[in-house]
Amino acid sequence: MDAVQAICDGLDEEKITALAARLLALLPYPFTADDTAAGYRHELSVLQAEFSLTQVLDAAPATSRNEPPSSDLTHQNHDH
């Protein structure tokens, strides 16, 4: 966990922007020349960030891969 936290702590606006630019460069550009001329472009926002539970990093799994997930874990992660 400490290594993951250290990576996250090392992220700043410049590093996140550079990573996003590299990832977006792999995708087809969605805007036409007219769109770009009208000012449409990719823009990063913290409001676009998505966060999830990190239970997978907390401990080894309690069941084998061949067993279905417990209904308890499924219930915990289900949006109500």
Protein backbone atom coordinates (compact mmCIF):
# COMPACT_ATOMS: atom_id res chain seq x y z
CA MET A 1 0.00 0.00 0.00
CA ASP A 2 2.84 2.41 0.79
CA ALA A 3 4.23 2.09 -2.75
CA VAL A 4 0.83 2.87 -4.30
CA GLN A 5 0.40 5.85 -1.98
CA ALA A 6 3.88 7.12 -2.88
CA ILE A 7 2.99 6.98 -6.59
CA CYS A 8 -0.26 8.86 -5.96
CA ASP A 9 1.50 11.44 -3.80
CA GLY A 10 3.97 12.05 -6.64
CA LEU A 11 1.24 12.96 -9.12
CA ASP A 12 0.76 16.63 -9.92
CA GLU A 13 -1.08 18.59 -12.59
CA GLU A 14 1.82 18.41 -15.06
CA LYS A 15 2.23 14.62 -14.74
CA ILE A 16 -1.50 13.96 -15.00
CA THR A 17 -1.81 16.23 -18.04
CA ALA A 18 1.15 14.50 -19.74
CA LEU A 19 -0.33 11.05 -19.07
CA ALA A 20 -3.74 12.11 -20.39
CA ALA A 21 -2.13 13.56 -23.53
CA ARG A 22 -0.27 10.29 -24.18
CA LEU A 23 -3.46 8.25 -23.70
CA LEU A 24 -5.61 10.58 -25.81
CA ALA A 25 -3.01 10.39 -28.61
CA LEU A 26 -3.81 6.67 -28.89
CA LEU A 27 -7.48 7.39 -29.61
CA PRO A 28 -9.01 8.74 -32.83
CA TYR A 29 -9.43 12.51 -32.65
CA PRO A 30 -13.19 13.04 -32.21
CA PHE A 31 -13.39 16.64 -33.42
CA THR A 32 -13.65 17.87 -36.99
CA ALA A 33 -11.69 20.90 -38.22
CA ASP A 34 -14.86 22.96 -37.79
CA ASP A 35 -15.23 21.70 -34.20
CA THR A 36 -11.64 22.66 -33.42
CA ALA A 37 -12.09 26.09 -35.05
CA ALA A 38 -15.19 26.58 -32.88
CA GLY A 39 -13.07 25.95 -29.78
CA TYR A 40 -13.98 22.36 -28.98
CA ARG A 41 -11.05 20.39 -27.56
CA HIS A 42 -10.12 17.94 -24.84
CA GLU A 43 -9.92 19.57 -21.46
CA LEU A 44 -9.00 17.87 -18.21
CA SER A 45 -10.99 18.49 -15.08
CA VAL A 46 -10.80 17.05 -11.60
CA LEU A 47 -14.57 16.64 -11.91
CA GLN A 48 -13.87 13.89 -14.45
CA ALA A 49 -11.85 11.84 -11.96
CA GLU A 50 -13.26 8.48 -10.95
CA PHE A 51 -12.41 6.72 -7.72
CA SER A 52 -13.12 3.18 -6.62
CA LEU A 53 -12.69 0.94 -3.63
CA THR A 54 -9.21 -0.52 -3.25
CA GLN A 55 -10.16 -3.63 -1.33
CA VAL A 56 -8.11 -5.68 -3.77
CA LEU A 57 -4.97 -4.02 -2.39
CA ASP A 58 -5.89 -4.51 1.27
CA ALA A 59 -5.48 -8.28 1.68
CA ALA A 60 -5.24 -11.58 -0.14
CA PRO A 61 -8.58 -12.87 -1.47
CA ALA A 62 -10.51 -15.09 0.92
CA THR A 63 -11.79 -17.39 -1.86
CA SER A 64 -10.21 -19.06 -4.84
CA ARG A 65 -10.73 -17.75 -8.37
CA ASN A 66 -12.99 -20.72 -9.12
CA GLU A 67 -15.55 -19.72 -6.53
CA PRO A 68 -18.18 -17.05 -7.26
CA PRO A 69 -17.82 -13.81 -5.31
CA SER A 70 -19.61 -13.81 -2.00
CA SER A 71 -22.99 -12.13 -1.92
CA ASP A 72 -21.65 -10.02 0.95
CA LEU A 73 -18.94 -8.44 -1.23
CA THR A 74 -21.36 -8.04 -4.14
CA HIS A 75 -23.82 -6.28 -1.85
CA GLN A 76 -21.13 -3.93 -0.49
CA ASN A 77 -20.20 -2.78 -4.00
CA HIS A 78 -23.71 -2.49 -5.42
CA ASP A 79 -25.09 1.03 -5.88
CA HIS A 80 -28.28 1.42 -3.89
